[in-house]
Amino acid sequence: MMKYKNFYAELDYSDEDNLFYGKIAGIKSLISFEGDSVNSLRKGFQEAVNDYLNFCEKLGLKPEKPYSGNITLRIEPQDHIIISLAAKKAGTSLNKFIAECAKTRAKQLI
């Protein structure tokens, strides 16, 4: 995962164009970049972040914060009970239990 100045990148590759491309992850604004190698992609990402921060500064805007660490989660009441009991059995808080389960599953997919 690419990180620069507390911003992260969502990355992909186009075989048709023989090009890496990405966008800054976790913010509402669409800020994209590309490169034909990992190094040029990284450079493009860093330039995109710097351009975004400079743009915000010039306009007197506060840059969006990617990933605050707070998530609102809505689940069925019966699932809430099961998950709460599992967290208690694991000897941890509900928040830590859900965070660890989500992280473990995400790592399987990424």
PDB file of N, CA and C in Angstrom:
ATOM      1  N   MET A   1       0.845  -1.173   0.000  1.00  0.00           N
ATOM      2  CA  MET A   1       0.000   0.000   0.000  1.00  0.00           C
ATOM      3  C   MET A   1       0.893   1.239   0.000  1.00  0.00           C
ATOM      4  N   MET A   2       0.583   2.190  -0.836  1.00  0.00           N
ATOM      5  CA  MET A   2       1.343   3.425  -0.921  1.00  0.00           C
ATOM      6  C   MET A   2       0.793   4.445   0.059  1.00  0.00           C
ATOM      7  N   LYS A   3       1.701   5.085   0.809  1.00  0.00           N
ATOM      8  CA  LYS A   3       1.321   6.109   1.779  1.00  0.00           C
ATOM      9  C   LYS A   3       2.266   7.291   1.616  1.00  0.00           C
ATOM     10  N   TYR A   4       1.694   8.501   1.716  1.00  0.00           N
ATOM     11  CA  TYR A   4       2.482   9.714   1.637  1.00  0.00           C
ATOM     12  C   TYR A   4       1.736  10.812   2.388  1.00  0.00           C
ATOM     13  N   LYS A   5       2.401  11.429   3.360  1.00  0.00           N
ATOM     14  CA  LYS A   5       1.810  12.516   4.151  1.00  0.00           C
ATOM     15  C   LYS A   5       0.442  12.138   4.709  1.00  0.00           C
ATOM     16  N   ASN A   6       0.326  10.959   5.240  1.00  0.00           N
ATOM     17  CA  ASN A   6      -0.917  10.440   5.835  1.00  0.00           C
ATOM     18  C   ASN A   6      -2.052  10.238   4.838  1.00  0.00           C
ATOM     19  N   PHE A   7      -1.735  10.206   3.557  1.00  0.00           N
ATOM     20  CA  PHE A   7      -2.705   9.861   2.536  1.00  0.00           C
ATOM     21  C   PHE A   7      -2.331   8.493   1.971  1.00  0.00           C
ATOM     22  N   TYR A   8      -3.339   7.740   1.580  1.00  0.00           N
ATOM     23  CA  TYR A   8      -3.129   6.417   1.008  1.00  0.00           C
ATOM     24  C   TYR A   8      -3.624   6.409  -0.431  1.00  0.00           C
ATOM     25  N   ALA A   9      -3.122   5.468  -1.191  1.00  0.00           N
ATOM     26  CA  ALA A   9      -3.490   5.368  -2.598  1.00  0.00           C
ATOM     27  C   ALA A   9      -4.257   4.081  -2.859  1.00  0.00           C
ATOM     28  N   GLU A  10      -5.304   4.181  -3.654  1.00  0.00           N
ATOM     29  CA  GLU A  10      -5.972   3.013  -4.230  1.00  0.00           C
ATOM     30  C   GLU A  10      -5.344   2.828  -5.596  1.00  0.00           C
ATOM     31  N   LEU A  11      -4.786   1.656  -5.842  1.00  0.00           N
ATOM     32  CA  LEU A  11      -4.005   1.424  -7.057  1.00  0.00           C
ATOM     33  C   LEU A  11      -4.618   0.342  -7.928  1.00  0.00           C
ATOM     34  N   ASP A  12      -4.371   0.462  -9.231  1.00  0.00           N
ATOM     35  CA  ASP A  12      -4.826  -0.536 -10.186  1.00  0.00           C
ATOM     36  C   ASP A  12      -3.890  -0.520 -11.389  1.00  0.00           C
ATOM     37  N   TYR A  13      -4.126  -1.448 -12.281  1.00  0.00           N
ATOM     38  CA  TYR A  13      -3.291  -1.566 -13.472  1.00  0.00           C
ATOM     39  C   TYR A  13      -4.179  -1.834 -14.675  1.00  0.00           C
ATOM     40  N   SER A  14      -3.900  -1.143 -15.774  1.00  0.00           N
ATOM     41  CA  SER A  14      -4.606  -1.379 -17.023  1.00  0.00           C
ATOM     42  C   SER A  14      -3.668  -2.114 -17.974  1.00  0.00           C
ATOM     43  N   ASP A  15      -3.972  -3.376 -18.226  1.00  0.00           N
ATOM     44  CA  ASP A  15      -3.157  -4.159 -19.155  1.00  0.00           C
ATOM     45  C   ASP A  15      -3.295  -3.609 -20.573  1.00  0.00           C
ATOM     46  N   GLU A  16      -4.486  -3.154 -20.895  1.00  0.00           N
ATOM     47  CA  GLU A  16      -4.751  -2.595 -22.222  1.00  0.00           C
ATOM     48  C   GLU A  16      -3.887  -1.359 -22.500  1.00  0.00           C
ATOM     49  N   ASP A  17      -3.740  -0.510 -21.484  1.00  0.00           N
ATOM     50  CA  ASP A  17      -2.958   0.715 -21.643  1.00  0.00           C
ATOM     51  C   ASP A  17      -1.513   0.565 -21.165  1.00  0.00           C
ATOM     52  N   ASN A  18      -1.209  -0.597 -20.561  1.00  0.00           N
ATOM     53  CA  ASN A  18       0.118  -0.837 -19.998  1.00  0.00           C
ATOM     54  C   ASN A  18       0.494   0.290 -19.031  1.00  0.00           C
ATOM     55  N   LEU A  19      -0.430   0.570 -18.093  1.00  0.00           N
ATOM     56  CA  LEU A  19      -0.298   1.730 -17.236  1.00  0.00           C
ATOM     57  C   LEU A  19      -0.835   1.439 -15.839  1.00  0.00           C
ATOM     58  N   PHE A  20      -0.095   1.880 -14.831  1.00  0.00           N
ATOM     59  CA  PHE A  20      -0.589   1.869 -13.460  1.00  0.00           C
ATOM     60  C   PHE A  20      -1.370   3.159 -13.253  1.00  0.00           C
ATOM     61  N   TYR A  21      -2.428   3.093 -12.466  1.00  0.00           N
ATOM     62  CA  TYR A  21      -3.175   4.304 -12.150  1.00  0.00           C
ATOM     63  C   TYR A  21      -3.755   4.181 -10.754  1.00  0.00           C
ATOM     64  N   GLY A  22      -4.128   5.308 -10.209  1.00  0.00           N
ATOM     65  CA  GLY A  22      -4.683   5.274  -8.868  1.00  0.00           C
ATOM     66  C   GLY A  22      -5.375   6.564  -8.527  1.00  0.00           C
ATOM     67  N   LYS A  23      -5.902   6.589  -7.299  1.00  0.00           N
ATOM     68  CA  LYS A  23      -6.528   7.785  -6.763  1.00  0.00           C
ATOM     69  C   LYS A  23      -6.229   7.837  -5.275  1.00  0.00           C
ATOM     70  N   ILE A  24      -6.330   9.040  -4.729  1.00  0.00           N
ATOM     71  CA  ILE A  24      -6.149   9.181  -3.290  1.00  0.00           C
ATOM     72  C   ILE A  24      -7.354   8.550  -2.611  1.00  0.00           C
ATOM     73  N   ALA A  25      -7.097   7.658  -1.703  1.00  0.00           N
ATOM     74  CA  ALA A  25      -8.152   6.893  -1.032  1.00  0.00           C
ATOM     75  C   ALA A  25      -8.674   7.628   0.200  1.00  0.00           C
ATOM     76  N   GLY A  26      -9.950   7.411   0.482  1.00  0.00           N
ATOM     77  CA  GLY A  26     -10.521   7.862   1.738  1.00  0.00           C
ATOM     78  C   GLY A  26     -10.978   9.300   1.789  1.00  0.00           C
ATOM     79  N   ILE A  27     -10.997   9.994   0.648  1.00  0.00           N
ATOM     80  CA  ILE A  27     -11.513  11.357   0.619  1.00  0.00           C
ATOM     81  C   ILE A  27     -12.591  11.442  -0.462  1.00  0.00           C
ATOM     82  N   LYS A  28     -13.453  12.431  -0.344  1.00  0.00           N
ATOM     83  CA  LYS A  28     -14.548  12.568  -1.304  1.00  0.00           C
ATOM     84  C   LYS A  28     -14.072  13.114  -2.646  1.00  0.00           C
ATOM     85  N   SER A  29     -13.069  13.979  -2.612  1.00  0.00           N
ATOM     86  CA  SER A  29     -12.543  14.548  -3.857  1.00  0.00           C
ATOM     87  C   SER A  29     -11.888  13.452  -4.684  1.00  0.00           C
ATOM     88  N   LEU A  30     -12.059  13.532  -5.997  1.00  0.00           N
ATOM     89  CA  LEU A  30     -11.428  12.562  -6.890  1.00  0.00           C
ATOM     90  C   LEU A  30     -10.102  13.138  -7.368  1.00  0.00           C
ATOM     91  N   ILE A  31      -9.026  12.578  -6.862  1.00  0.00           N
ATOM     92  CA  ILE A  31      -7.685  13.023  -7.223  1.00  0.00           C
ATOM     93  C   ILE A  31      -6.942  11.801  -7.727  1.00  0.00           C
ATOM     94  N   SER A  32      -6.665  11.789  -9.021  1.00  0.00           N
ATOM     95  CA  SER A  32      -6.069  10.610  -9.638  1.00  0.00           C
ATOM     96  C   SER A  32      -4.654  10.901 -10.115  1.00  0.00           C
ATOM     97  N   PHE A  33      -3.951   9.823 -10.439  1.00  0.00           N
ATOM     98  CA  PHE A  33      -2.569   9.904 -10.917  1.00  0.00           C
ATOM     99  C   PHE A  33      -2.269   8.626 -11.675  1.00  0.00           C
ATOM    100  N   GLU A  34      -1.161   8.609 -12.396  1.00  0.00           N
ATOM    101  CA  GLU A  34      -0.799   7.416 -13.172  1.00  0.00           C
ATOM    102  C   GLU A  34       0.703   7.361 -13.333  1.00  0.00           C
ATOM    103  N   GLY A  35       1.172   6.218 -13.825  1.00  0.00           N
ATOM    104  CA  GLY A  35       2.586   6.027 -14.105  1.00  0.00           C
ATOM    105  C   GLY A  35       2.802   4.736 -14.863  1.00  0.00           C
ATOM    106  N   ASP A  36       3.905   4.675 -15.588  1.00  0.00           N
ATOM    107  CA  ASP A  36       4.187   3.459 -16.367  1.00  0.00           C
ATOM    108  C   ASP A  36       5.150   2.523 -15.649  1.00  0.00           C
ATOM    109  N   SER A  37       5.528   2.883 -14.421  1.00  0.00           N
ATOM    110  CA  SER A  37       6.351   2.020 -13.569  1.00  0.00           C
ATOM    111  C   SER A  37       5.967   2.311 -12.118  1.00  0.00           C
ATOM    112  N   VAL A  38       6.423   1.472 -11.217  1.00  0.00           N
ATOM    113  CA  VAL A  38       6.122   1.700  -9.807  1.00  0.00           C
ATOM    114  C   VAL A  38       6.718   3.031  -9.358  1.00  0.00           C
ATOM    115  N   ASN A  39       7.930   3.325  -9.779  1.00  0.00           N
ATOM    116  CA  ASN A  39       8.561   4.583  -9.380  1.00  0.00           C
ATOM    117  C   ASN A  39       7.812   5.796  -9.918  1.00  0.00           C
ATOM    118  N   SER A  40       7.386   5.743 -11.181  1.00  0.00           N
ATOM    119  CA  SER A  40       6.653   6.885 -11.734  1.00  0.00           C
ATOM    120  C   SER A  40       5.261   6.988 -11.120  1.00  0.00           C
ATOM    121  N   LEU A  41       4.664   5.851 -10.755  1.00  0.00           N
ATOM    122  CA  LEU A  41       3.371   5.861 -10.069  1.00  0.00           C
ATOM    123  C   LEU A  41       3.521   6.520  -8.698  1.00  0.00           C
ATOM    124  N   ARG A  42       4.558   6.139  -7.962  1.00  0.00           N
ATOM    125  CA  ARG A  42       4.811   6.726  -6.645  1.00  0.00           C
ATOM    126  C   ARG A  42       5.022   8.236  -6.765  1.00  0.00           C
ATOM    127  N   LYS A  43       5.805   8.641  -7.765  1.00  0.00           N
ATOM    128  CA  LYS A  43       6.051  10.067  -7.992  1.00  0.00           C
ATOM    129  C   LYS A  43       4.736  10.784  -8.316  1.00  0.00           C
ATOM    130  N   GLY A  44       3.908  10.178  -9.166  1.00  0.00           N
ATOM    131  CA  GLY A  44       2.616  10.760  -9.503  1.00  0.00           C
ATOM    132  C   GLY A  44       1.722  10.901  -8.290  1.00  0.00           C
ATOM    133  N   PHE A  45       1.732   9.900  -7.416  1.00  0.00           N
ATOM    134  CA  PHE A  45       0.937   9.935  -6.186  1.00  0.00           C
ATOM    135  C   PHE A  45       1.395  11.089  -5.295  1.00  0.00           C
ATOM    136  N   GLN A  46       2.703  11.192  -5.095  1.00  0.00           N
ATOM    137  CA  GLN A  46       3.237  12.254  -4.251  1.00  0.00           C
ATOM    138  C   GLN A  46       2.928  13.633  -4.829  1.00  0.00           C
ATOM    139  N   GLU A  47       3.042  13.770  -6.129  1.00  0.00           N
ATOM    140  CA  GLU A  47       2.709  15.045  -6.776  1.00  0.00           C
ATOM    141  C   GLU A  47       1.224  15.364  -6.622  1.00  0.00           C
ATOM    142  N   ALA A  48       0.370  14.352  -6.736  1.00  0.00           N
ATOM    143  CA  ALA A  48      -1.068  14.555  -6.590  1.00  0.00           C
ATOM    144  C   ALA A  48      -1.403  15.025  -5.172  1.00  0.00           C
ATOM    145  N   VAL A  49      -0.787  14.406  -4.174  1.00  0.00           N
ATOM    146  CA  VAL A  49      -1.016  14.815  -2.780  1.00  0.00           C
ATOM    147  C   VAL A  49      -0.541  16.254  -2.581  1.00  0.00           C
ATOM    148  N   ASN A  50       0.664  16.549  -3.042  1.00  0.00           N
ATOM    149  CA  ASN A  50       1.198  17.905  -2.888  1.00  0.00           C
ATOM    150  C   ASN A  50       0.332  18.934  -3.599  1.00  0.00           C
ATOM    151  N   ASP A  51      -0.109  18.615  -4.814  1.00  0.00           N
ATOM    152  CA  ASP A  51      -0.987  19.523  -5.559  1.00  0.00           C
ATOM    153  C   ASP A  51      -2.298  19.753  -4.814  1.00  0.00           C
ATOM    154  N   TYR A  52      -2.859  18.679  -4.262  1.00  0.00           N
ATOM    155  CA  TYR A  52      -4.112  18.784  -3.500  1.00  0.00           C
ATOM    156  C   TYR A  52      -3.929  19.686  -2.284  1.00  0.00           C
ATOM    157  N   LEU A  53      -2.854  19.475  -1.544  1.00  0.00           N
ATOM    158  CA  LEU A  53      -2.602  20.283  -0.348  1.00  0.00           C
ATOM    159  C   LEU A  53      -2.349  21.746  -0.710  1.00  0.00           C
ATOM    160  N   ASN A  54      -1.612  21.999  -1.780  1.00  0.00           N
ATOM    161  CA  ASN A  54      -1.371  23.374  -2.235  1.00  0.00           C
ATOM    162  C   ASN A  54      -2.661  24.046  -2.687  1.00  0.00           C
ATOM    163  N   PHE A  55      -3.499  23.284  -3.408  1.00  0.00           N
ATOM    164  CA  PHE A  55      -4.793  23.791  -3.870  1.00  0.00           C
ATOM    165  C   PHE A  55      -5.654  24.211  -2.680  1.00  0.00           C
ATOM    166  N   CYS A  56      -5.730  23.349  -1.674  1.00  0.00           N
ATOM    167  CA  CYS A  56      -6.516  23.646  -0.476  1.00  0.00           C
ATOM    168  C   CYS A  56      -5.973  24.892   0.227  1.00  0.00           C
ATOM    169  N   GLU A  57      -4.665  24.994   0.324  1.00  0.00           N
ATOM    170  CA  GLU A  57      -4.048  26.137   0.987  1.00  0.00           C
ATOM    171  C   GLU A  57      -4.359  27.433   0.241  1.00  0.00           C
ATOM    172  N   LYS A  58      -4.244  27.415  -1.077  1.00  0.00           N
ATOM    173  CA  LYS A  58      -4.523  28.615  -1.879  1.00  0.00           C
ATOM    174  C   LYS A  58      -5.963  29.092  -1.729  1.00  0.00           C
ATOM    175  N   LEU A  59      -6.887  28.141  -1.604  1.00  0.00           N
ATOM    176  CA  LEU A  59      -8.301  28.490  -1.478  1.00  0.00           C
ATOM    177  C   LEU A  59      -8.743  28.676  -0.026  1.00  0.00           C
ATOM    178  N   GLY A  60      -7.827  28.459   0.912  1.00  0.00           N
ATOM    179  CA  GLY A  60      -8.159  28.586   2.323  1.00  0.00           C
ATOM    180  C   GLY A  60      -9.057  27.475   2.829  1.00  0.00           C
ATOM    181  N   LEU A  61      -8.976  26.314   2.188  1.00  0.00           N
ATOM    182  CA  LEU A  61      -9.786  25.159   2.578  1.00  0.00           C
ATOM    183  C   LEU A  61      -8.985  24.231   3.471  1.00  0.00           C
ATOM    184  N   LYS A  62      -9.693  23.546   4.315  1.00  0.00           N
ATOM    185  CA  LYS A  62      -9.062  22.522   5.145  1.00  0.00           C
ATOM    186  C   LYS A  62      -9.070  21.217   4.355  1.00  0.00           C
ATOM    187  N   PRO A  63      -7.903  20.606   4.116  1.00  0.00           N
ATOM    188  CA  PRO A  63      -7.884  19.334   3.368  1.00  0.00           C
ATOM    189  C   PRO A  63      -8.693  18.263   4.094  1.00  0.00           C
ATOM    190  N   GLU A  64      -9.330  17.413   3.302  1.00  0.00           N
ATOM    191  CA  GLU A  64     -10.073  16.300   3.897  1.00  0.00           C
ATOM    192  C   GLU A  64      -9.105  15.379   4.618  1.00  0.00           C
ATOM    193  N   LYS A  65      -9.552  14.830   5.721  1.00  0.00           N
ATOM    194  CA  LYS A  65      -8.750  13.855   6.454  1.00  0.00           C
ATOM    195  C   LYS A  65      -9.154  12.466   5.998  1.00  0.00           C
ATOM    196  N   PRO A  66      -8.197  11.739   5.458  1.00  0.00           N
ATOM    197  CA  PRO A  66      -8.541  10.363   5.091  1.00  0.00           C
ATOM    198  C   PRO A  66      -8.582   9.475   6.335  1.00  0.00           C
ATOM    199  N   TYR A  67      -9.625   8.719   6.466  1.00  0.00           N
ATOM    200  CA  TYR A  67      -9.714   7.686   7.497  1.00  0.00           C
ATOM    201  C   TYR A  67      -9.502   8.216   8.908  1.00  0.00           C
ATOM    202  N   SER A  68     -10.557   8.678   9.493  1.00  0.00           N
ATOM    203  CA  SER A  68     -10.504   9.223  10.849  1.00  0.00           C
ATOM    204  C   SER A  68     -10.293   8.148  11.905  1.00  0.00           C
ATOM    205  N   GLY A  69     -10.641   6.914  11.581  1.00  0.00           N
ATOM    206  CA  GLY A  69     -10.560   5.844  12.573  1.00  0.00           C
ATOM    207  C   GLY A  69     -11.901   5.562  13.219  1.00  0.00           C
ATOM    208  N   ASN A  70     -12.910   6.339  12.872  1.00  0.00           N
ATOM    209  CA  ASN A  70     -14.260   6.126  13.402  1.00  0.00           C
ATOM    210  C   ASN A  70     -15.158   5.580  12.307  1.00  0.00           C
ATOM    211  N   ILE A  71     -15.867   4.509  12.640  1.00  0.00           N
ATOM    212  CA  ILE A  71     -16.804   3.897  11.703  1.00  0.00           C
ATOM    213  C   ILE A  71     -18.130   3.685  12.430  1.00  0.00           C
ATOM    214  N   THR A  72     -19.219   4.103  11.799  1.00  0.00           N
ATOM    215  CA  THR A  72     -20.543   3.797  12.328  1.00  0.00           C
ATOM    216  C   THR A  72     -20.985   2.490  11.691  1.00  0.00           C
ATOM    217  N   LEU A  73     -21.351   1.540  12.518  1.00  0.00           N
ATOM    218  CA  LEU A  73     -21.703   0.211  12.042  1.00  0.00           C
ATOM    219  C   LEU A  73     -23.138  -0.107  12.442  1.00  0.00           C
ATOM    220  N   ARG A  74     -23.935  -0.512  11.474  1.00  0.00           N
ATOM    221  CA  ARG A  74     -25.310  -0.922  11.752  1.00  0.00           C
ATOM    222  C   ARG A  74     -25.446  -2.404  11.420  1.00  0.00           C
ATOM    223  N   ILE A  75     -25.885  -3.162  12.412  1.00  0.00           N
ATOM    224  CA  ILE A  75     -26.068  -4.601  12.214  1.00  0.00           C
ATOM    225  C   ILE A  75     -27.403  -5.018  12.831  1.00  0.00           C
ATOM    226  N   GLU A  76     -27.844  -6.194  12.474  1.00  0.00           N
ATOM    227  CA  GLU A  76     -29.083  -6.740  13.033  1.00  0.00           C
ATOM    228  C   GLU A  76     -28.888  -7.002  14.527  1.00  0.00           C
ATOM    229  N   PRO A  77     -29.932  -6.788  15.338  1.00  0.00           N
ATOM    230  CA  PRO A  77     -29.811  -7.000  16.784  1.00  0.00           C
ATOM    231  C   PRO A  77     -29.315  -8.404  17.156  1.00  0.00           C
ATOM    232  N   GLN A  78     -29.793  -9.430  16.436  1.00  0.00           N
ATOM    233  CA  GLN A  78     -29.353 -10.789  16.766  1.00  0.00           C
ATOM    234  C   GLN A  78     -27.859 -10.976  16.480  1.00  0.00           C
ATOM    235  N   ASP A  79     -27.341 -10.300  15.451  1.00  0.00           N
ATOM    236  CA  ASP A  79     -25.909 -10.359  15.173  1.00  0.00           C
ATOM    237  C   ASP A  79     -25.115  -9.604  16.233  1.00  0.00           C
ATOM    238  N   HIS A  80     -25.682  -8.493  16.716  1.00  0.00           N
ATOM    239  CA  HIS A  80     -25.043  -7.709  17.773  1.00  0.00           C
ATOM    240  C   HIS A  80     -24.834  -8.574  19.017  1.00  0.00           C
ATOM    241  N   ILE A  81     -25.849  -9.332  19.364  1.00  0.00           N
ATOM    242  CA  ILE A  81     -25.761 -10.211  20.536  1.00  0.00           C
ATOM    243  C   ILE A  81     -24.658 -11.249  20.346  1.00  0.00           C
ATOM    244  N   ILE A  82     -24.662 -11.920  19.201  1.00  0.00           N
ATOM    245  CA  ILE A  82     -23.666 -12.973  18.935  1.00  0.00           C
ATOM    246  C   ILE A  82     -22.250 -12.416  18.961  1.00  0.00           C
ATOM    247  N   ILE A  83     -22.057 -11.277  18.317  1.00  0.00           N
ATOM    248  CA  ILE A  83     -20.727 -10.676  18.260  1.00  0.00           C
ATOM    249  C   ILE A  83     -20.289 -10.209  19.645  1.00  0.00           C
ATOM    250  N   SER A  84     -21.202  -9.631  20.414  1.00  0.00           N
ATOM    251  CA  SER A  84     -20.873  -9.199  21.775  1.00  0.00           C
ATOM    252  C   SER A  84     -20.462 -10.378  22.653  1.00  0.00           C
ATOM    253  N   LEU A  85     -21.187 -11.494  22.542  1.00  0.00           N
ATOM    254  CA  LEU A  85     -20.844 -12.689  23.317  1.00  0.00           C
ATOM    255  C   LEU A  85     -19.484 -13.246  22.892  1.00  0.00           C
ATOM    256  N   ALA A  86     -19.212 -13.230  21.590  1.00  0.00           N
ATOM    257  CA  ALA A  86     -17.919 -13.715  21.094  1.00  0.00           C
ATOM    258  C   ALA A  86     -16.781 -12.833  21.605  1.00  0.00           C
ATOM    259  N   ALA A  87     -16.985 -11.531  21.622  1.00  0.00           N
ATOM    260  CA  ALA A  87     -15.953 -10.616  22.128  1.00  0.00           C
ATOM    261  C   ALA A  87     -15.693 -10.872  23.609  1.00  0.00           C
ATOM    262  N   LYS A  88     -16.768 -11.065  24.366  1.00  0.00           N
ATOM    263  CA  LYS A  88     -16.614 -11.345  25.795  1.00  0.00           C
ATOM    264  C   LYS A  88     -15.852 -12.652  26.003  1.00  0.00           C
ATOM    265  N   LYS A  89     -16.205 -13.665  25.226  1.00  0.00           N
ATOM    266  CA  LYS A  89     -15.529 -14.963  25.331  1.00  0.00           C
ATOM    267  C   LYS A  89     -14.048 -14.835  24.966  1.00  0.00           C
ATOM    268  N   ALA A  90     -13.737 -13.944  24.013  1.00  0.00           N
ATOM    269  CA  ALA A  90     -12.345 -13.717  23.605  1.00  0.00           C
ATOM    270  C   ALA A  90     -11.602 -12.830  24.604  1.00  0.00           C
ATOM    271  N   GLY A  91     -12.323 -12.278  25.565  1.00  0.00           N
ATOM    272  CA  GLY A  91     -11.693 -11.461  26.597  1.00  0.00           C
ATOM    273  C   GLY A  91     -11.277 -10.074  26.105  1.00  0.00           C
ATOM    274  N   THR A  92     -12.048  -9.531  25.189  1.00  0.00           N
ATOM    275  CA  THR A  92     -11.713  -8.223  24.629  1.00  0.00           C
ATOM    276  C   THR A  92     -12.975  -7.378  24.494  1.00  0.00           C
ATOM    277  N   SER A  93     -12.799  -6.122  24.182  1.00  0.00           N
ATOM    278  CA  SER A  93     -13.952  -5.247  23.995  1.00  0.00           C
ATOM    279  C   SER A  93     -14.616  -5.539  22.656  1.00  0.00           C
ATOM    280  N   LEU A  94     -15.857  -5.136  22.543  1.00  0.00           N
ATOM    281  CA  LEU A  94     -16.590  -5.312  21.295  1.00  0.00           C
ATOM    282  C   LEU A  94     -15.891  -4.560  20.164  1.00  0.00           C
ATOM    283  N   ASN A  95     -15.450  -3.341  20.432  1.00  0.00           N
ATOM    284  CA  ASN A  95     -14.766  -2.532  19.423  1.00  0.00           C
ATOM    285  C   ASN A  95     -13.498  -3.230  18.925  1.00  0.00           C
ATOM    286  N   LYS A  96     -12.670  -3.703  19.854  1.00  0.00           N
ATOM    287  CA  LYS A  96     -11.422  -4.371  19.454  1.00  0.00           C
ATOM    288  C   LYS A  96     -11.709  -5.667  18.702  1.00  0.00           C
ATOM    289  N   PHE A  97     -12.728  -6.383  19.120  1.00  0.00           N
ATOM    290  CA  PHE A  97     -13.081  -7.644  18.473  1.00  0.00           C
ATOM    291  C   PHE A  97     -13.505  -7.406  17.019  1.00  0.00           C
ATOM    292  N   ILE A  98     -14.393  -6.429  16.811  1.00  0.00           N
ATOM    293  CA  ILE A  98     -14.859  -6.126  15.453  1.00  0.00           C
ATOM    294  C   ILE A  98     -13.707  -5.614  14.603  1.00  0.00           C
ATOM    295  N   ALA A  99     -12.870  -4.747  15.160  1.00  0.00           N
ATOM    296  CA  ALA A  99     -11.733  -4.202  14.407  1.00  0.00           C
ATOM    297  C   ALA A  99     -10.785  -5.315  13.979  1.00  0.00           C
ATOM    298  N   GLU A 100     -10.504  -6.250  14.872  1.00  0.00           N
ATOM    299  CA  GLU A 100      -9.584  -7.348  14.539  1.00  0.00           C
ATOM    300  C   GLU A 100     -10.194  -8.278  13.492  1.00  0.00           C
ATOM    301  N   CYS A 101     -11.478  -8.582  13.622  1.00  0.00           N
ATOM    302  CA  CYS A 101     -12.141  -9.431  12.629  1.00  0.00           C
ATOM    303  C   CYS A 101     -12.133  -8.765  11.252  1.00  0.00           C
ATOM    304  N   ALA A 102     -12.448  -7.479  11.225  1.00  0.00           N
ATOM    305  CA  ALA A 102     -12.470  -6.755   9.939  1.00  0.00           C
ATOM    306  C   ALA A 102     -11.069  -6.687   9.339  1.00  0.00           C
ATOM    307  N   LYS A 103     -10.072  -6.436  10.146  1.00  0.00           N
ATOM    308  CA  LYS A 103      -8.687  -6.360   9.651  1.00  0.00           C
ATOM    309  C   LYS A 103      -8.229  -7.699   9.112  1.00  0.00           C
ATOM    310  N   THR A 104      -8.542  -8.766   9.820  1.00  0.00           N
ATOM    311  CA  THR A 104      -8.152 -10.112   9.370  1.00  0.00           C
ATOM    312  C   THR A 104      -8.797 -10.428   8.030  1.00  0.00           C
ATOM    313  N   ARG A 105     -10.069 -10.124   7.881  1.00  0.00           N
ATOM    314  CA  ARG A 105     -10.768 -10.389   6.626  1.00  0.00           C
ATOM    315  C   ARG A 105     -10.248  -9.510   5.498  1.00  0.00           C
ATOM    316  N   ALA A 106      -9.983  -8.256   5.791  1.00  0.00           N
ATOM    317  CA  ALA A 106      -9.472  -7.339   4.767  1.00  0.00           C
ATOM    318  C   ALA A 106      -8.109  -7.798   4.250  1.00  0.00           C
ATOM    319  N   LYS A 107      -7.266  -8.262   5.139  1.00  0.00           N
ATOM    320  CA  LYS A 107      -5.937  -8.752   4.718  1.00  0.00           C
ATOM    321  C   LYS A 107      -6.047  -9.960   3.812  1.00  0.00           C
ATOM    322  N   GLN A 108      -7.095 -10.751   3.985  1.00  0.00           N
ATOM    323  CA  GLN A 108      -7.323 -11.907   3.105  1.00  0.00           C
ATOM    324  C   GLN A 108      -7.677 -11.459   1.689  1.00  0.00           C
ATOM    325  N   LEU A 109      -8.301 -10.318   1.588  1.00  0.00           N
ATOM    326  CA  LEU A 109      -8.783  -9.829   0.297  1.00  0.00           C
ATOM    327  C   LEU A 109      -7.803  -8.913  -0.422  1.00  0.00           C
ATOM    328  N   ILE A 110      -6.917  -8.299   0.319  1.00  0.00           N
ATOM    329  CA  ILE A 110      -5.993  -7.323  -0.307  1.00  0.00           C
ATOM    330  C   ILE A 110      -4.650  -7.948  -0.609  1.00  0.00           C
TER     331      ILE A 110
END
